[in-house]
Amino acid sequence: PTAIRAVAEWFPKKERAFATGIFNSGTNIAAMIG
């Protein structure tokens, strides 16, 4: 909820999915190095 709100505060709609994809990739990096 906080991260998506931050993206909405900091990005226009056309960049939000890309920005969300970048921070959401942290779930995979965690599962990769974890």
Full PDB file with SEQRES, HELIX, SHEET, SSBOND, CRYST1, ORIGX, SCALE, CONECT and MASTER records, all heavy atoms in Angstrom:
SEQRES   1 A   34  PRO THR ALA ILE ARG ALA VAL ALA GLU TRP PHE PRO LYS          
SEQRES   2 A   34  LYS GLU ARG ALA PHE ALA THR GLY ILE PHE ASN SER GLY          
SEQRES   3 A   34  THR ASN ILE ALA ALA MET ILE GLY                              
HELIX    1 AA1 THR A    2  TRP A   10  1                                   9    
HELIX    2 AA2 LYS A   13  ASN A   24  1                                  12    
HELIX    3 AA3 GLY A   26  ILE A   33  1                                   8    
CRYST1    1.000    1.000    1.000  90.00  90.00  90.00 P 1           1          
ORIGX1      1.000000  0.000000  0.000000        0.00000                         
ORIGX2      0.000000  1.000000  0.000000        0.00000                         
ORIGX3      0.000000  0.000000  1.000000        0.00000                         
SCALE1      1.000000  0.000000  0.000000        0.00000                         
SCALE2      0.000000  1.000000  0.000000        0.00000                         
SCALE3      0.000000  0.000000  1.000000        0.00000                         
ATOM      1  N   PRO A   1       0.814  -1.224   0.000  1.00  0.00           N  
ATOM      2  CA  PRO A   1       0.000   0.000   0.000  1.00  0.00           C  
ATOM      3  C   PRO A   1       0.844   1.270   0.000  1.00  0.00           C  
ATOM      4  O   PRO A   1       0.529   2.248  -0.692  1.00  0.00           O  
ATOM      5  CB  PRO A   1      -0.809  -0.126   1.301  1.00  0.00           C  
ATOM      6  CG  PRO A   1      -0.895  -1.582   1.545  1.00  0.00           C  
ATOM      7  CD  PRO A   1       0.425  -2.147   1.089  1.00  0.00           C  
ATOM      8  N   THR A   2       1.940   1.273   0.762  1.00  0.00           N  
ATOM      9  CA  THR A   2       2.785   2.455   0.827  1.00  0.00           C  
ATOM     10  C   THR A   2       3.565   2.651  -0.460  1.00  0.00           C  
ATOM     11  O   THR A   2       3.685   3.768  -0.972  1.00  0.00           O  
ATOM     12  CB  THR A   2       3.771   2.348   2.003  1.00  0.00           C  
ATOM     13  OG1 THR A   2       3.094   1.844   3.150  1.00  0.00           O  
ATOM     14  CG2 THR A   2       4.357   3.710   2.338  1.00  0.00           C  
ATOM     15  N   ALA A   3       4.121   1.570  -0.988  1.00  0.00           N  
ATOM     16  CA  ALA A   3       4.934   1.675  -2.196  1.00  0.00           C  
ATOM     17  C   ALA A   3       4.091   2.113  -3.395  1.00  0.00           C  
ATOM     18  O   ALA A   3       4.530   2.962  -4.188  1.00  0.00           O  
ATOM     19  CB  ALA A   3       5.615   0.336  -2.482  1.00  0.00           C  
ATOM     20  N   ILE A   4       2.892   1.556  -3.551  1.00  0.00           N  
ATOM     21  CA  ILE A   4       2.035   1.950  -4.667  1.00  0.00           C  
ATOM     22  C   ILE A   4       1.606   3.402  -4.513  1.00  0.00           C  
ATOM     23  O   ILE A   4       1.525   4.163  -5.491  1.00  0.00           O  
ATOM     24  CB  ILE A   4       0.795   1.037  -4.749  1.00  0.00           C  
ATOM     25  CG1 ILE A   4       1.221  -0.410  -5.016  1.00  0.00           C  
ATOM     26  CG2 ILE A   4      -0.146   1.524  -5.841  1.00  0.00           C  
ATOM     27  CD1 ILE A   4       1.940  -0.613  -6.325  1.00  0.00           C  
ATOM     28  N   ARG A   5       1.346   3.827  -3.282  1.00  0.00           N  
ATOM     29  CA  ARG A   5       1.004   5.237  -3.051  1.00  0.00           C  
ATOM     30  C   ARG A   5       2.189   6.130  -3.423  1.00  0.00           C  
ATOM     31  O   ARG A   5       2.013   7.190  -4.037  1.00  0.00           O  
ATOM     32  CB  ARG A   5       0.613   5.452  -1.592  1.00  0.00           C  
ATOM     33  CG  ARG A   5       0.265   6.909  -1.267  1.00  0.00           C  
ATOM     34  CD  ARG A   5       0.045   7.102   0.227  1.00  0.00           C  
ATOM     35  NE  ARG A   5      -0.091   8.512   0.546  1.00  0.00           N  
ATOM     36  CZ  ARG A   5      -1.243   9.147   0.711  1.00  0.00           C  
ATOM     37  NH1 ARG A   5      -2.376   8.488   0.560  1.00  0.00           N  
ATOM     38  NH2 ARG A   5      -1.287  10.432   1.009  1.00  0.00           N  
ATOM     39  N   ALA A   6       3.402   5.717  -3.053  1.00  0.00           N  
ATOM     40  CA  ALA A   6       4.590   6.507  -3.392  1.00  0.00           C  
ATOM     41  C   ALA A   6       4.756   6.625  -4.904  1.00  0.00           C  
ATOM     42  O   ALA A   6       5.104   7.692  -5.424  1.00  0.00           O  
ATOM     43  CB  ALA A   6       5.830   5.878  -2.768  1.00  0.00           C  
ATOM     44  N   VAL A   7       4.513   5.527  -5.614  1.00  0.00           N  
ATOM     45  CA  VAL A   7       4.589   5.572  -7.081  1.00  0.00           C  
ATOM     46  C   VAL A   7       3.543   6.521  -7.643  1.00  0.00           C  
ATOM     47  O   VAL A   7       3.819   7.296  -8.571  1.00  0.00           O  
ATOM     48  CB  VAL A   7       4.418   4.155  -7.671  1.00  0.00           C  
ATOM     49  CG1 VAL A   7       4.192   4.216  -9.180  1.00  0.00           C  
ATOM     50  CG2 VAL A   7       5.640   3.301  -7.363  1.00  0.00           C  
ATOM     51  N   ALA A   8       2.330   6.477  -7.098  1.00  0.00           N  
ATOM     52  CA  ALA A   8       1.283   7.388  -7.566  1.00  0.00           C  
ATOM     53  C   ALA A   8       1.645   8.840  -7.280  1.00  0.00           C  
ATOM     54  O   ALA A   8       1.285   9.745  -8.048  1.00  0.00           O  
ATOM     55  CB  ALA A   8      -0.051   7.034  -6.900  1.00  0.00           C  
ATOM     56  N   GLU A   9       2.354   9.091  -6.185  1.00  0.00           N  
ATOM     57  CA  GLU A   9       2.773  10.451  -5.846  1.00  0.00           C  
ATOM     58  C   GLU A   9       3.893  10.953  -6.751  1.00  0.00           C  
ATOM     59  O   GLU A   9       3.983  12.147  -7.033  1.00  0.00           O  
ATOM     60  CB  GLU A   9       3.236  10.510  -4.390  1.00  0.00           C  
ATOM     61  CG  GLU A   9       2.119  10.348  -3.375  1.00  0.00           C  
ATOM     62  CD  GLU A   9       2.635  10.230  -1.948  1.00  0.00           C  
ATOM     63  OE1 GLU A   9       3.848   9.962  -1.767  1.00  0.00           O  
ATOM     64  OE2 GLU A   9       1.830  10.394  -1.010  1.00  0.00           O  
ATOM     65  N   TRP A  10       4.736  10.038  -7.221  1.00  0.00           N  
ATOM     66  CA  TRP A  10       5.969  10.434  -7.889  1.00  0.00           C  
ATOM     67  C   TRP A  10       5.996  10.179  -9.391  1.00  0.00           C  
ATOM     68  O   TRP A  10       6.957  10.597 -10.064  1.00  0.00           O  
ATOM     69  CB  TRP A  10       7.157   9.714  -7.240  1.00  0.00           C  
ATOM     70  CG  TRP A  10       7.669  10.460  -6.037  1.00  0.00           C  
ATOM     71  CD1 TRP A  10       7.286  10.291  -4.738  1.00  0.00           C  
ATOM     72  CD2 TRP A  10       8.648  11.498  -6.029  1.00  0.00           C  
ATOM     73  NE1 TRP A  10       7.960  11.160  -3.915  1.00  0.00           N  
ATOM     74  CE2 TRP A  10       8.817  11.922  -4.691  1.00  0.00           C  
ATOM     75  CE3 TRP A  10       9.412  12.121  -7.019  1.00  0.00           C  
ATOM     76  CZ2 TRP A  10       9.703  12.928  -4.316  1.00  0.00           C  
ATOM     77  CZ3 TRP A  10      10.298  13.122  -6.657  1.00  0.00           C  
ATOM     78  CH2 TRP A  10      10.428  13.514  -5.315  1.00  0.00           C  
ATOM     79  N   PHE A  11       4.982   9.513  -9.957  1.00  0.00           N  
ATOM     80  CA  PHE A  11       5.025   9.170 -11.383  1.00  0.00           C  
ATOM     81  C   PHE A  11       3.705   9.483 -12.076  1.00  0.00           C  
ATOM     82  O   PHE A  11       2.631   9.295 -11.497  1.00  0.00           O  
ATOM     83  CB  PHE A  11       5.340   7.685 -11.564  1.00  0.00           C  
ATOM     84  CG  PHE A  11       6.763   7.323 -11.262  1.00  0.00           C  
ATOM     85  CD1 PHE A  11       7.157   7.044  -9.963  1.00  0.00           C  
ATOM     86  CD2 PHE A  11       7.710   7.276 -12.270  1.00  0.00           C  
ATOM     87  CE1 PHE A  11       8.476   6.727  -9.672  1.00  0.00           C  
ATOM     88  CE2 PHE A  11       9.032   6.952 -11.994  1.00  0.00           C  
ATOM     89  CZ  PHE A  11       9.416   6.683 -10.693  1.00  0.00           C  
ATOM     90  N   PRO A  12       3.775   9.943 -13.349  1.00  0.00           N  
ATOM     91  CA  PRO A  12       2.560  10.032 -14.159  1.00  0.00           C  
ATOM     92  C   PRO A  12       2.070   8.645 -14.518  1.00  0.00           C  
ATOM     93  O   PRO A  12       2.830   7.665 -14.433  1.00  0.00           O  
ATOM     94  CB  PRO A  12       3.029  10.804 -15.401  1.00  0.00           C  
ATOM     95  CG  PRO A  12       4.482  10.485 -15.512  1.00  0.00           C  
ATOM     96  CD  PRO A  12       4.980  10.362 -14.102  1.00  0.00           C  
ATOM     97  N   LYS A  13       0.822   8.521 -14.930  1.00  0.00           N  
ATOM     98  CA  LYS A  13       0.229   7.201 -15.161  1.00  0.00           C  
ATOM     99  C   LYS A  13       0.996   6.372 -16.183  1.00  0.00           C  
ATOM    100  O   LYS A  13       1.096   5.157 -16.051  1.00  0.00           O  
ATOM    101  CB  LYS A  13      -1.223   7.358 -15.611  1.00  0.00           C  
ATOM    102  CG  LYS A  13      -2.156   7.833 -14.509  1.00  0.00           C  
ATOM    103  CD  LYS A  13      -3.589   7.883 -14.979  1.00  0.00           C  
ATOM    104  CE  LYS A  13      -4.516   8.318 -13.848  1.00  0.00           C  
ATOM    105  NZ  LYS A  13      -5.938   8.367 -14.293  1.00  0.00           N  
ATOM    106  N   LYS A  14       1.552   7.009 -17.203  1.00  0.00           N  
ATOM    107  CA  LYS A  14       2.221   6.253 -18.258  1.00  0.00           C  
ATOM    108  C   LYS A  14       3.500   5.572 -17.779  1.00  0.00           C  
ATOM    109  O   LYS A  14       4.004   4.667 -18.439  1.00  0.00           O  
ATOM    110  CB  LYS A  14       2.536   7.158 -19.448  1.00  0.00           C  
ATOM    111  CG  LYS A  14       3.416   8.347 -19.123  1.00  0.00           C  
ATOM    112  CD  LYS A  14       3.519   9.284 -20.314  1.00  0.00           C  
ATOM    113  CE  LYS A  14       4.281  10.556 -19.970  1.00  0.00           C  
ATOM    114  NZ  LYS A  14       4.278  11.516 -21.092  1.00  0.00           N  
ATOM    115  N   GLU A  15       4.041   5.979 -16.628  1.00  0.00           N  
ATOM    116  CA  GLU A  15       5.263   5.365 -16.102  1.00  0.00           C  
ATOM    117  C   GLU A  15       5.033   4.508 -14.868  1.00  0.00           C  
ATOM    118  O   GLU A  15       5.968   3.872 -14.378  1.00  0.00           O  
ATOM    119  CB  GLU A  15       6.293   6.445 -15.755  1.00  0.00           C  
ATOM    120  CG  GLU A  15       6.928   7.121 -16.954  1.00  0.00           C  
ATOM    121  CD  GLU A  15       8.047   8.067 -16.556  1.00  0.00           C  
ATOM    122  OE1 GLU A  15       8.154   8.430 -15.360  1.00  0.00           O  
ATOM    123  OE2 GLU A  15       8.821   8.459 -17.442  1.00  0.00           O  
ATOM    124  N   ARG A  16       3.806   4.473 -14.377  1.00  0.00           N  
ATOM    125  CA  ARG A  16       3.573   3.817 -13.089  1.00  0.00           C  
ATOM    126  C   ARG A  16       3.764   2.305 -13.143  1.00  0.00           C  
ATOM    127  O   ARG A  16       4.311   1.713 -12.202  1.00  0.00           O  
ATOM    128  CB  ARG A  16       2.175   4.155 -12.570  1.00  0.00           C  
ATOM    129  CG  ARG A  16       2.049   5.591 -12.099  1.00  0.00           C  
ATOM    130  CD  ARG A  16       0.654   5.896 -11.612  1.00  0.00           C  
ATOM    131  NE  ARG A  16       0.489   7.333 -11.380  1.00  0.00           N  
ATOM    132  CZ  ARG A  16      -0.674   7.916 -11.119  1.00  0.00           C  
ATOM    133  NH1 ARG A  16      -1.774   7.173 -11.040  1.00  0.00           N  
ATOM    134  NH2 ARG A  16      -0.741   9.220 -10.935  1.00  0.00           N  
ATOM    135  N   ALA A  17       3.317   1.654 -14.215  1.00  0.00           N  
ATOM    136  CA  ALA A  17       3.484   0.203 -14.291  1.00  0.00           C  
ATOM    137  C   ALA A  17       4.966  -0.165 -14.360  1.00  0.00           C  
ATOM    138  O   ALA A  17       5.399  -1.147 -13.749  1.00  0.00           O  
ATOM    139  CB  ALA A  17       2.748  -0.348 -15.517  1.00  0.00           C  
ATOM    140  N   PHE A  18       5.750   0.630 -15.103  1.00  0.00           N  
ATOM    141  CA  PHE A  18       7.184   0.370 -15.198  1.00  0.00           C  
ATOM    142  C   PHE A  18       7.852   0.570 -13.844  1.00  0.00           C  
ATOM    143  O   PHE A  18       8.663  -0.264 -13.401  1.00  0.00           O  
ATOM    144  CB  PHE A  18       7.801   1.288 -16.243  1.00  0.00           C  
ATOM    145  CG  PHE A  18       9.261   1.015 -16.511  1.00  0.00           C  
ATOM    146  CD1 PHE A  18       9.727  -0.277 -16.666  1.00  0.00           C  
ATOM    147  CD2 PHE A  18      10.163   2.062 -16.609  1.00  0.00           C  
ATOM    148  CE1 PHE A  18      11.072  -0.536 -16.920  1.00  0.00           C  
ATOM    149  CE2 PHE A  18      11.510   1.825 -16.866  1.00  0.00           C  
ATOM    150  CZ  PHE A  18      11.961   0.528 -17.016  1.00  0.00           C  
ATOM    151  N   ALA A  19       7.503   1.666 -13.159  1.00  0.00           N  
ATOM    152  CA  ALA A  19       8.066   1.932 -11.831  1.00  0.00           C  
ATOM    153  C   ALA A  19       7.656   0.842 -10.844  1.00  0.00           C  
ATOM    154  O   ALA A  19       8.469   0.369 -10.040  1.00  0.00           O  
ATOM    155  CB  ALA A  19       7.609   3.298 -11.332  1.00  0.00           C  
ATOM    156  N   THR A  20       6.384   0.428 -10.919  1.00  0.00           N  
ATOM    157  CA  THR A  20       5.911  -0.645 -10.049  1.00  0.00           C  
ATOM    158  C   THR A  20       6.639  -1.945 -10.349  1.00  0.00           C  
ATOM    159  O   THR A  20       7.013  -2.696  -9.436  1.00  0.00           O  
ATOM    160  CB  THR A  20       4.392  -0.847 -10.227  1.00  0.00           C  
ATOM    161  OG1 THR A  20       3.714   0.375  -9.908  1.00  0.00           O  
ATOM    162  CG2 THR A  20       3.879  -1.960  -9.321  1.00  0.00           C  
ATOM    163  N   GLY A  21       6.846  -2.228 -11.641  1.00  0.00           N  
ATOM    164  CA  GLY A  21       7.580  -3.433 -12.015  1.00  0.00           C  
ATOM    165  C   GLY A  21       8.994  -3.450 -11.472  1.00  0.00           C  
ATOM    166  O   GLY A  21       9.503  -4.495 -11.052  1.00  0.00           O  
ATOM    167  N   ILE A  22       9.637  -2.270 -11.459  1.00  0.00           N  
ATOM    168  CA  ILE A  22      11.005  -2.189 -10.948  1.00  0.00           C  
ATOM    169  C   ILE A  22      11.046  -2.497  -9.452  1.00  0.00           C  
ATOM    170  O   ILE A  22      11.818  -3.347  -8.997  1.00  0.00           O  
ATOM    171  CB  ILE A  22      11.611  -0.800 -11.234  1.00  0.00           C  
ATOM    172  CG1 ILE A  22      11.859  -0.637 -12.735  1.00  0.00           C  
ATOM    173  CG2 ILE A  22      12.926  -0.619 -10.468  1.00  0.00           C  
ATOM    174  CD1 ILE A  22      12.321   0.750 -13.122  1.00  0.00           C  
ATOM    175  N   PHE A  23      10.205  -1.813  -8.670  1.00  0.00           N  
ATOM    176  CA  PHE A  23      10.287  -2.069  -7.225  1.00  0.00           C  
ATOM    177  C   PHE A  23       9.745  -3.448  -6.880  1.00  0.00           C  
ATOM    178  O   PHE A  23      10.230  -4.119  -5.965  1.00  0.00           O  
ATOM    179  CB  PHE A  23       9.605  -0.962  -6.417  1.00  0.00           C  
ATOM    180  CG  PHE A  23       8.137  -1.132  -6.149  1.00  0.00           C  
ATOM    181  CD1 PHE A  23       7.669  -2.088  -5.263  1.00  0.00           C  
ATOM    182  CD2 PHE A  23       7.207  -0.287  -6.755  1.00  0.00           C  
ATOM    183  CE1 PHE A  23       6.304  -2.235  -5.002  1.00  0.00           C  
ATOM    184  CE2 PHE A  23       5.854  -0.416  -6.500  1.00  0.00           C  
ATOM    185  CZ  PHE A  23       5.402  -1.404  -5.626  1.00  0.00           C  
ATOM    186  N   ASN A  24       8.750  -3.927  -7.656  1.00  0.00           N  
ATOM    187  CA  ASN A  24       8.190  -5.250  -7.401  1.00  0.00           C  
ATOM    188  C   ASN A  24       9.192  -6.360  -7.721  1.00  0.00           C  
ATOM    189  O   ASN A  24       9.096  -7.472  -7.196  1.00  0.00           O  
ATOM    190  CB  ASN A  24       6.918  -5.437  -8.220  1.00  0.00           C  
ATOM    191  CG  ASN A  24       6.134  -6.667  -7.810  1.00  0.00           C  
ATOM    192  OD1 ASN A  24       5.906  -6.898  -6.625  1.00  0.00           O  
ATOM    193  ND2 ASN A  24       5.731  -7.466  -8.776  1.00  0.00           N  
ATOM    194  N   SER A  25      10.181  -6.057  -8.578  1.00  0.00           N  
ATOM    195  CA  SER A  25      11.207  -7.058  -8.883  1.00  0.00           C  
ATOM    196  C   SER A  25      12.067  -7.364  -7.657  1.00  0.00           C  
ATOM    197  O   SER A  25      12.778  -8.372  -7.628  1.00  0.00           O  
ATOM    198  CB  SER A  25      12.095  -6.581 -10.034  1.00  0.00           C  
ATOM    199  OG  SER A  25      12.882  -5.467  -9.666  1.00  0.00           O  
ATOM    200  N   GLY A  26      11.972  -6.514  -6.642  1.00  0.00           N  
ATOM    201  CA  GLY A  26      12.666  -6.796  -5.386  1.00  0.00           C  
ATOM    202  C   GLY A  26      12.213  -8.095  -4.757  1.00  0.00           C  
ATOM    203  O   GLY A  26      12.990  -8.773  -4.064  1.00  0.00           O  
ATOM    204  N   THR A  27      10.954  -8.499  -5.016  1.00  0.00           N  
ATOM    205  CA  THR A  27      10.470  -9.777  -4.502  1.00  0.00           C  
ATOM    206  C   THR A  27      11.264 -10.932  -5.098  1.00  0.00           C  
ATOM    207  O   THR A  27      11.515 -11.943  -4.436  1.00  0.00           O  
ATOM    208  CB  THR A  27       8.978  -9.965  -4.806  1.00  0.00           C  
ATOM    209  OG1 THR A  27       8.783  -9.994  -6.230  1.00  0.00           O  
ATOM    210  CG2 THR A  27       8.160  -8.817  -4.227  1.00  0.00           C  
ATOM    211  N   ASN A  28      11.658 -10.773  -6.355  1.00  0.00           N  
ATOM    212  CA  ASN A  28      12.410 -11.829  -7.026  1.00  0.00           C  
ATOM    213  C   ASN A  28      13.880 -11.825  -6.626  1.00  0.00           C  
ATOM    214  O   ASN A  28      14.498 -12.878  -6.484  1.00  0.00           O  
ATOM    215  CB  ASN A  28      12.292 -11.667  -8.545  1.00  0.00           C  
ATOM    216  CG  ASN A  28      10.849 -11.502  -8.970  1.00  0.00           C  
ATOM    217  OD1 ASN A  28      10.034 -12.384  -8.764  1.00  0.00           O  
ATOM    218  ND2 ASN A  28      10.520 -10.354  -9.525  1.00  0.00           N  
ATOM    219  N   ILE A  29      14.439 -10.621  -6.482  1.00  0.00           N  
ATOM    220  CA  ILE A  29      15.829 -10.536  -6.039  1.00  0.00           C  
ATOM    221  C   ILE A  29      15.958 -11.156  -4.653  1.00  0.00           C  
ATOM    222  O   ILE A  29      16.916 -11.884  -4.362  1.00  0.00           O  
ATOM    223  CB  ILE A  29      16.305  -9.069  -6.018  1.00  0.00           C  
ATOM    224  CG1 ILE A  29      16.220  -8.472  -7.432  1.00  0.00           C  
ATOM    225  CG2 ILE A  29      17.719  -8.979  -5.479  1.00  0.00           C  
ATOM    226  CD1 ILE A  29      17.048  -9.202  -8.472  1.00  0.00           C  
ATOM    227  N   ALA A  30      14.973 -10.894  -3.809  1.00  0.00           N  
ATOM    228  CA  ALA A  30      14.981 -11.490  -2.467  1.00  0.00           C  
ATOM    229  C   ALA A  30      14.945 -13.007  -2.545  1.00  0.00           C  
ATOM    230  O   ALA A  30      15.685 -13.708  -1.843  1.00  0.00           O  
ATOM    231  CB  ALA A  30      13.787 -10.975  -1.669  1.00  0.00           C  
ATOM    232  N   ALA A  31      14.065 -13.518  -3.408  1.00  0.00           N  
ATOM    233  CA  ALA A  31      13.941 -14.964  -3.527  1.00  0.00           C  
ATOM    234  C   ALA A  31      15.143 -15.584  -4.219  1.00  0.00           C  
ATOM    235  O   ALA A  31      15.396 -16.780  -4.072  1.00  0.00           O  
ATOM    236  CB  ALA A  31      12.670 -15.307  -4.295  1.00  0.00           C  
ATOM    237  N   MET A  32      15.905 -14.761  -4.971  1.00  0.00           N  
ATOM    238  CA  MET A  32      17.081 -15.263  -5.662  1.00  0.00           C  
ATOM    239  C   MET A  32      18.290 -15.329  -4.724  1.00  0.00           C  
ATOM    240  O   MET A  32      18.993 -16.330  -4.665  1.00  0.00           O  
ATOM    241  CB  MET A  32      17.407 -14.365  -6.853  1.00  0.00           C  
ATOM    242  CG  MET A  32      18.566 -14.859  -7.708  1.00  0.00           C  
ATOM    243  SD  MET A  32      18.864 -13.791  -9.114  1.00  0.00           S  
ATOM    244  CE  MET A  32      19.422 -12.294  -8.294  1.00  0.00           C  
ATOM    245  N   ILE A  33      18.522 -14.245  -3.968  1.00  0.00           N  
ATOM    246  CA  ILE A  33      19.681 -14.218  -3.075  1.00  0.00           C  
ATOM    247  C   ILE A  33      19.364 -14.831  -1.716  1.00  0.00           C  
ATOM    248  O   ILE A  33      20.268 -15.251  -0.996  1.00  0.00           O  
ATOM    249  CB  ILE A  33      20.209 -12.776  -2.890  1.00  0.00           C  
ATOM    250  CG1 ILE A  33      19.179 -11.908  -2.157  1.00  0.00           C  
ATOM    251  CG2 ILE A  33      20.585 -12.160  -4.226  1.00  0.00           C  
ATOM    252  CD1 ILE A  33      19.667 -10.505  -1.852  1.00  0.00           C  
ATOM    253  N   GLY A  34      18.074 -14.886  -1.378  1.00  0.00           N  
ATOM    254  CA  GLY A  34      17.684 -15.412  -0.079  1.00  0.00           C  
ATOM    255  C   GLY A  34      18.158 -16.831   0.192  1.00  0.00           C  
ATOM    256  O   GLY A  34      18.714 -17.107   1.261  1.00  0.00           O  
TER     257      GLY A  34                                                      
MASTER        0    0    0    3    0    0    0    6  256    1    0    3          
END                                                                             
